[in-house]
Amino acid sequence: MDKTSLVLADLSGADISEVKMKDVNTSRWVIESIKCTHIFRDDKRIDYAEGEFEKAHTQIERLAEMIINAPLSDLTYYTGYIIQECVNEEYGEGSLVLKTQTALSNDSTKFEFMSFQDGEKLDEIIAKMSEIEKKTNHIYKETIAKQETKDIITVTEKIPLGPLPIGISTIAVKNVLIERFNRMDPLLQRIIVAVQSCF
């Protein structure tokens, strides 16, 4: 199973003994009552007693919070989605999922994200989220100070998004993405650039 995606896979009751696991994305997988006596990782055999594999590899949902100094709106919703997508692009699909947004006051919104990562990866994500929170709040503060409105349009010829997936590098698709970016609210354009600069 080298470089396999098992995101959301339901392996309940399966027997995966003797499987070679290397660079496998197991975000949000379900492994209830899974059977496994041993696996191979990096050419090393790892043995498990009955029920031990499930206990060791069941992912626990962890919450990461962030407060943005902006009112709950469609802009804050898209900000949360941009953050989720940028983190997932860096750390793998399912690393961060936007769970809720809550208005704390007329000018602040709390974001709750779920993460199924653990250990060092989770620590990295939380550190990045702190950096993202600071940069995002700075942009919102600047925007409010300048009284920017949707009437101001920023136009670009190059979209500041990551590379397109393999096989989707056609000029037509890139032009559509650039056109959409150009029509996007300037605040969201700046949020995309700021969040991506954290990686």
C-alpha atoms as a PDB file:
ATOM      1  CA  MET A   1       0.000   0.000   0.000  1.00  0.00           C
ATOM      2  CA  ASP A   2       2.734   2.506  -0.858  1.00  0.00           C
ATOM      3  CA  LYS A   3       1.429   6.073  -1.245  1.00  0.00           C
ATOM      4  CA  THR A   4      -2.205   4.947  -1.020  1.00  0.00           C
ATOM      5  CA  SER A   5      -5.143   7.093   0.049  1.00  0.00           C
ATOM      6  CA  LEU A   6      -7.457   5.458   2.554  1.00  0.00           C
ATOM      7  CA  VAL A   7      -9.254   8.713   3.365  1.00  0.00           C
ATOM      8  CA  LEU A   8     -12.731   7.840   4.722  1.00  0.00           C
ATOM      9  CA  ALA A   9     -12.154   4.147   3.930  1.00  0.00           C
ATOM     10  CA  ASP A  10     -14.208   1.732   6.023  1.00  0.00           C
ATOM     11  CA  LEU A  11     -12.014  -1.270   6.795  1.00  0.00           C
ATOM     12  CA  SER A  12     -14.144  -2.487   9.711  1.00  0.00           C
ATOM     13  CA  GLY A  13     -13.705  -6.220  10.212  1.00  0.00           C
ATOM     14  CA  ALA A  14     -11.072  -6.522   7.457  1.00  0.00           C
ATOM     15  CA  ASP A  15      -7.883  -8.525   7.935  1.00  0.00           C
ATOM     16  CA  ILE A  16      -4.878  -6.457   6.906  1.00  0.00           C
ATOM     17  CA  SER A  17      -2.180  -8.699   8.350  1.00  0.00           C
ATOM     18  CA  GLU A  18       1.079  -8.680   6.348  1.00  0.00           C
ATOM     19  CA  VAL A  19       0.264  -5.383   4.579  1.00  0.00           C
ATOM     20  CA  LYS A  20       3.153  -3.093   3.658  1.00  0.00           C
ATOM     21  CA  MET A  21       2.261   0.438   4.783  1.00  0.00           C
ATOM     22  CA  LYS A  22       4.368   3.364   3.643  1.00  0.00           C
ATOM     23  CA  ASP A  23       3.137   6.948   3.082  1.00  0.00           C
ATOM     24  CA  VAL A  24      -0.512   5.876   3.442  1.00  0.00           C
ATOM     25  CA  ASN A  25      -3.069   8.635   4.055  1.00  0.00           C
ATOM     26  CA  THR A  26      -5.412   7.231   6.712  1.00  0.00           C
ATOM     27  CA  SER A  27      -7.318  10.434   7.514  1.00  0.00           C
ATOM     28  CA  ARG A  28     -10.752   9.659   8.948  1.00  0.00           C
ATOM     29  CA  TRP A  29     -10.578   5.964   8.152  1.00  0.00           C
ATOM     30  CA  VAL A  30     -12.806   3.554  10.078  1.00  0.00           C
ATOM     31  CA  ILE A  31     -11.093   0.441  11.450  1.00  0.00           C
ATOM     32  CA  GLU A  32     -13.556  -0.925  13.996  1.00  0.00           C
ATOM     33  CA  SER A  33     -12.887  -4.625  14.760  1.00  0.00           C
ATOM     34  CA  ILE A  34     -10.060  -4.699  12.211  1.00  0.00           C
ATOM     35  CA  LYS A  35      -7.829  -7.776  12.318  1.00  0.00           C
ATOM     36  CA  CYS A  36      -4.084  -7.360  12.101  1.00  0.00           C
ATOM     37  CA  THR A  37      -1.333  -9.565  13.499  1.00  0.00           C
ATOM     38  CA  HIS A  38       1.470  -7.573  11.859  1.00  0.00           C
ATOM     39  CA  ILE A  39       2.337  -5.029   9.167  1.00  0.00           C
ATOM     40  CA  PHE A  40       5.540  -4.032   7.411  1.00  0.00           C
ATOM     41  CA  ARG A  41       6.710  -0.417   7.511  1.00  0.00           C
ATOM     42  CA  ASP A  42      10.055   0.555   5.971  1.00  0.00           C
ATOM     43  CA  ASP A  43      10.913  -3.167   5.612  1.00  0.00           C
ATOM     44  CA  LYS A  44      10.448  -3.692   9.368  1.00  0.00           C
ATOM     45  CA  ARG A  45       7.841  -6.048  10.759  1.00  0.00           C
ATOM     46  CA  ILE A  46       5.574  -4.580  13.444  1.00  0.00           C
ATOM     47  CA  ASP A  47       3.575  -7.148  15.446  1.00  0.00           C
ATOM     48  CA  TYR A  48       0.229  -6.462  17.114  1.00  0.00           C
ATOM     49  CA  ALA A  49      -1.718  -8.392  19.738  1.00  0.00           C
ATOM     50  CA  GLU A  50      -5.473  -8.806  19.185  1.00  0.00           C
ATOM     51  CA  GLY A  51      -7.164  -5.384  19.162  1.00  0.00           C
ATOM     52  CA  GLU A  52      -3.847  -3.529  19.463  1.00  0.00           C
ATOM     53  CA  PHE A  53      -3.729  -2.286  15.850  1.00  0.00           C
ATOM     54  CA  GLU A  54      -7.202  -0.709  16.170  1.00  0.00           C
ATOM     55  CA  LYS A  55      -6.265   0.955  19.453  1.00  0.00           C
ATOM     56  CA  ALA A  56      -2.974   2.286  18.054  1.00  0.00           C
ATOM     57  CA  HIS A  57      -4.356   3.585  14.749  1.00  0.00           C
ATOM     58  CA  THR A  58      -7.889   4.796  15.517  1.00  0.00           C
ATOM     59  CA  GLN A  59      -7.878   8.493  14.860  1.00  0.00           C
ATOM     60  CA  ILE A  60      -9.254  10.817  17.448  1.00  0.00           C
ATOM     61  CA  GLU A  61     -10.882  14.006  16.272  1.00  0.00           C
ATOM     62  CA  ARG A  62      -8.990  17.012  17.563  1.00  0.00           C
ATOM     63  CA  LEU A  63     -10.254  20.577  17.415  1.00  0.00           C
ATOM     64  CA  ALA A  64      -8.233  23.606  16.440  1.00  0.00           C
ATOM     65  CA  GLU A  65      -9.717  27.047  17.017  1.00  0.00           C
ATOM     66  CA  MET A  66      -9.014  30.422  15.498  1.00  0.00           C
ATOM     67  CA  ILE A  67     -10.581  33.839  16.084  1.00  0.00           C
ATOM     68  CA  ILE A  68     -10.782  36.290  13.192  1.00  0.00           C
ATOM     69  CA  ASN A  69     -11.558  39.921  13.957  1.00  0.00           C
ATOM     70  CA  ALA A  70     -14.347  40.235  11.415  1.00  0.00           C
ATOM     71  CA  PRO A  71     -18.119  39.783  11.546  1.00  0.00           C
ATOM     72  CA  LEU A  72     -19.619  36.429  10.626  1.00  0.00           C
ATOM     73  CA  SER A  73     -20.395  36.685   6.912  1.00  0.00           C
ATOM     74  CA  ASP A  74     -19.881  35.038   3.560  1.00  0.00           C
ATOM     75  CA  LEU A  75     -16.348  36.495   3.580  1.00  0.00           C
ATOM     76  CA  THR A  76     -15.467  34.762   6.851  1.00  0.00           C
ATOM     77  CA  TYR A  77     -16.986  31.530   5.535  1.00  0.00           C
ATOM     78  CA  TYR A  78     -14.758  31.658   2.452  1.00  0.00           C
ATOM     79  CA  THR A  79     -11.791  32.623   4.623  1.00  0.00           C
ATOM     80  CA  GLY A  80     -12.290  29.409   6.622  1.00  0.00           C
ATOM     81  CA  TYR A  81     -12.590  27.379   3.441  1.00  0.00           C
ATOM     82  CA  ILE A  82      -9.394  28.949   2.020  1.00  0.00           C
ATOM     83  CA  ILE A  83      -7.518  28.088   5.220  1.00  0.00           C
ATOM     84  CA  GLN A  84      -8.822  24.496   5.117  1.00  0.00           C
ATOM     85  CA  GLU A  85      -7.796  23.989   1.480  1.00  0.00           C
ATOM     86  CA  CYS A  86      -4.318  25.495   1.893  1.00  0.00           C
ATOM     87  CA  VAL A  87      -3.574  23.365   4.970  1.00  0.00           C
ATOM     88  CA  ASN A  88      -4.859  20.224   3.211  1.00  0.00           C
ATOM     89  CA  GLU A  89      -2.742  20.992   0.160  1.00  0.00           C
ATOM     90  CA  GLU A  90       0.344  21.135   2.392  1.00  0.00           C
ATOM     91  CA  TYR A  91      -0.414  18.285   4.846  1.00  0.00           C
ATOM     92  CA  GLY A  92      -2.731  15.986   2.900  1.00  0.00           C
ATOM     93  CA  GLU A  93      -6.451  15.764   2.243  1.00  0.00           C
ATOM     94  CA  GLY A  94      -8.505  15.599   5.434  1.00  0.00           C
ATOM     95  CA  SER A  95      -5.788  17.115   7.640  1.00  0.00           C
ATOM     96  CA  LEU A  96      -8.080  20.026   8.480  1.00  0.00           C
ATOM     97  CA  VAL A  97     -11.862  20.280   8.088  1.00  0.00           C
ATOM     98  CA  LEU A  98     -13.874  23.422   8.806  1.00  0.00           C
ATOM     99  CA  LYS A  99     -16.463  22.369  11.397  1.00  0.00           C
ATOM    100  CA  THR A 100     -18.203  25.568  12.537  1.00  0.00           C
ATOM    101  CA  GLN A 101     -18.057  29.333  12.553  1.00  0.00           C
ATOM    102  CA  THR A 102     -19.623  31.247  15.409  1.00  0.00           C
ATOM    103  CA  ALA A 103     -20.176  34.988  15.804  1.00  0.00           C
ATOM    104  CA  LEU A 104     -18.535  35.989  19.091  1.00  0.00           C
ATOM    105  CA  SER A 105     -19.554  39.626  18.654  1.00  0.00           C
ATOM    106  CA  ASN A 106     -20.416  42.065  15.881  1.00  0.00           C
ATOM    107  CA  ASP A 107     -16.770  42.118  14.840  1.00  0.00           C
ATOM    108  CA  SER A 108     -15.261  38.722  15.634  1.00  0.00           C
ATOM    109  CA  THR A 109     -15.826  35.173  14.433  1.00  0.00           C
ATOM    110  CA  LYS A 110     -14.591  31.915  15.959  1.00  0.00           C
ATOM    111  CA  PHE A 111     -13.605  29.136  13.583  1.00  0.00           C
ATOM    112  CA  GLU A 112     -13.522  25.512  14.728  1.00  0.00           C
ATOM    113  CA  PHE A 113     -11.572  23.073  12.599  1.00  0.00           C
ATOM    114  CA  MET A 114     -11.366  19.306  13.059  1.00  0.00           C
ATOM    115  CA  SER A 115      -8.055  17.596  12.555  1.00  0.00           C
ATOM    116  CA  PHE A 116      -7.389  13.885  12.490  1.00  0.00           C
ATOM    117  CA  GLN A 117      -3.623  14.317  12.515  1.00  0.00           C
ATOM    118  CA  ASP A 118      -1.579  13.642  15.609  1.00  0.00           C
ATOM    119  CA  GLY A 119       1.934  14.080  16.933  1.00  0.00           C
ATOM    120  CA  GLU A 120       4.366  16.268  15.032  1.00  0.00           C
ATOM    121  CA  LYS A 121       2.022  16.880  12.084  1.00  0.00           C
ATOM    122  CA  LEU A 122      -0.700  18.200  14.399  1.00  0.00           C
ATOM    123  CA  ASP A 123       1.835  20.427  16.178  1.00  0.00           C
ATOM    124  CA  GLU A 124       2.965  21.802  12.793  1.00  0.00           C
ATOM    125  CA  ILE A 125      -0.622  22.466  11.711  1.00  0.00           C
ATOM    126  CA  ILE A 126      -1.438  24.279  14.968  1.00  0.00           C
ATOM    127  CA  ALA A 127       1.716  26.418  14.626  1.00  0.00           C
ATOM    128  CA  LYS A 128       0.755  27.278  11.031  1.00  0.00           C
ATOM    129  CA  MET A 129      -2.794  28.109  12.126  1.00  0.00           C
ATOM    130  CA  SER A 130      -1.415  30.589  14.644  1.00  0.00           C
ATOM    131  CA  GLU A 131       0.634  32.243  11.895  1.00  0.00           C
ATOM    132  CA  ILE A 132      -2.378  32.217   9.552  1.00  0.00           C
ATOM    133  CA  GLU A 133      -4.579  33.752  12.267  1.00  0.00           C
ATOM    134  CA  LYS A 134      -2.132  36.655  12.731  1.00  0.00           C
ATOM    135  CA  LYS A 135      -1.795  37.328   8.993  1.00  0.00           C
ATOM    136  CA  THR A 136      -5.531  37.041   8.371  1.00  0.00           C
ATOM    137  CA  ASN A 137      -6.397  39.377  11.247  1.00  0.00           C
ATOM    138  CA  HIS A 138      -3.834  41.866   9.937  1.00  0.00           C
ATOM    139  CA  ILE A 139      -5.514  41.842   6.511  1.00  0.00           C
ATOM    140  CA  TYR A 140      -8.987  42.279   8.004  1.00  0.00           C
ATOM    141  CA  LYS A 141      -7.690  45.151  10.193  1.00  0.00           C
ATOM    142  CA  GLU A 142      -6.091  46.880   7.174  1.00  0.00           C
ATOM    143  CA  THR A 143      -9.239  46.363   5.133  1.00  0.00           C
ATOM    144  CA  ILE A 144     -11.487  47.885   7.785  1.00  0.00           C
ATOM    145  CA  ALA A 145      -9.076  50.819   8.246  1.00  0.00           C
ATOM    146  CA  LYS A 146      -9.060  51.510   4.502  1.00  0.00           C
ATOM    147  CA  GLN A 147     -12.835  51.025   4.221  1.00  0.00           C
ATOM    148  CA  GLU A 148     -12.352  48.766   1.176  1.00  0.00           C
ATOM    149  CA  THR A 149     -15.539  47.819  -0.631  1.00  0.00           C
ATOM    150  CA  LYS A 150     -16.521  45.272  -3.256  1.00  0.00           C
ATOM    151  CA  ASP A 151     -16.344  48.066  -5.856  1.00  0.00           C
ATOM    152  CA  ILE A 152     -12.554  47.872  -5.782  1.00  0.00           C
ATOM    153  CA  ILE A 153     -11.395  45.066  -8.077  1.00  0.00           C
ATOM    154  CA  THR A 154      -7.882  43.701  -8.146  1.00  0.00           C
ATOM    155  CA  VAL A 155      -6.931  42.065 -11.431  1.00  0.00           C
ATOM    156  CA  THR A 156      -4.129  39.594 -11.960  1.00  0.00           C
ATOM    157  CA  GLU A 157      -2.749  37.643 -14.879  1.00  0.00           C
ATOM    158  CA  LYS A 158      -1.373  34.909 -12.645  1.00  0.00           C
ATOM    159  CA  ILE A 159      -3.454  33.198 -10.005  1.00  0.00           C
ATOM    160  CA  PRO A 160      -1.603  32.727  -6.676  1.00  0.00           C
ATOM    161  CA  LEU A 161      -2.954  29.218  -6.106  1.00  0.00           C
ATOM    162  CA  GLY A 162      -0.895  26.049  -5.958  1.00  0.00           C
ATOM    163  CA  PRO A 163      -0.163  23.906  -8.989  1.00  0.00           C
ATOM    164  CA  LEU A 164      -3.063  22.220 -10.714  1.00  0.00           C
ATOM    165  CA  PRO A 165      -3.400  18.439 -10.271  1.00  0.00           C
ATOM    166  CA  ILE A 166      -1.574  16.258 -12.766  1.00  0.00           C
ATOM    167  CA  GLY A 167      -3.443  16.092 -16.055  1.00  0.00           C
ATOM    168  CA  ILE A 168      -5.331  19.357 -15.506  1.00  0.00           C
ATOM    169  CA  SER A 169      -2.725  21.821 -16.679  1.00  0.00           C
ATOM    170  CA  THR A 170      -4.574  23.087 -19.728  1.00  0.00           C
ATOM    171  CA  ILE A 171      -4.502  26.771 -20.523  1.00  0.00           C
ATOM    172  CA  ALA A 172      -8.316  26.912 -20.632  1.00  0.00           C
ATOM    173  CA  VAL A 173      -8.648  25.695 -17.026  1.00  0.00           C
ATOM    174  CA  LYS A 174      -5.984  28.142 -15.844  1.00  0.00           C
ATOM    175  CA  ASN A 175      -7.779  30.984 -17.634  1.00  0.00           C
ATOM    176  CA  VAL A 176     -11.078  30.090 -15.919  1.00  0.00           C
ATOM    177  CA  LEU A 177      -9.357  30.032 -12.520  1.00  0.00           C
ATOM    178  CA  ILE A 178      -7.680  33.382 -13.186  1.00  0.00           C
ATOM    179  CA  GLU A 179     -11.009  34.869 -14.302  1.00  0.00           C
ATOM    180  CA  ARG A 180     -12.700  33.632 -11.117  1.00  0.00           C
ATOM    181  CA  PHE A 181      -9.863  34.963  -8.981  1.00  0.00           C
ATOM    182  CA  ASN A 182     -10.160  38.356 -10.706  1.00  0.00           C
ATOM    183  CA  ARG A 183     -13.897  38.512  -9.920  1.00  0.00           C
ATOM    184  CA  MET A 184     -13.328  37.488  -6.306  1.00  0.00           C
ATOM    185  CA  ASP A 185     -13.675  39.998  -3.496  1.00  0.00           C
ATOM    186  CA  PRO A 186     -10.291  41.786  -3.037  1.00  0.00           C
ATOM    187  CA  LEU A 187     -10.274  40.811   0.618  1.00  0.00           C
ATOM    188  CA  LEU A 188     -10.454  37.115  -0.300  1.00  0.00           C
ATOM    189  CA  GLN A 189      -7.717  37.603  -2.895  1.00  0.00           C
ATOM    190  CA  ARG A 190      -5.465  38.993  -0.163  1.00  0.00           C
ATOM    191  CA  ILE A 191      -6.430  36.184   2.244  1.00  0.00           C
ATOM    192  CA  ILE A 192      -5.411  33.537  -0.345  1.00  0.00           C
ATOM    193  CA  VAL A 193      -2.024  35.195  -0.856  1.00  0.00           C
ATOM    194  CA  ALA A 194      -1.456  35.585   2.924  1.00  0.00           C
ATOM    195  CA  VAL A 195      -2.445  32.020   3.831  1.00  0.00           C
ATOM    196  CA  GLN A 196      -0.305  30.531   1.068  1.00  0.00           C
ATOM    197  CA  SER A 197       2.666  32.626   2.188  1.00  0.00           C
ATOM    198  CA  CYS A 198       2.633  30.628   5.453  1.00  0.00           C
ATOM    199  CA  PHE A 199       3.779  27.504   3.599  1.00  0.00           C
END
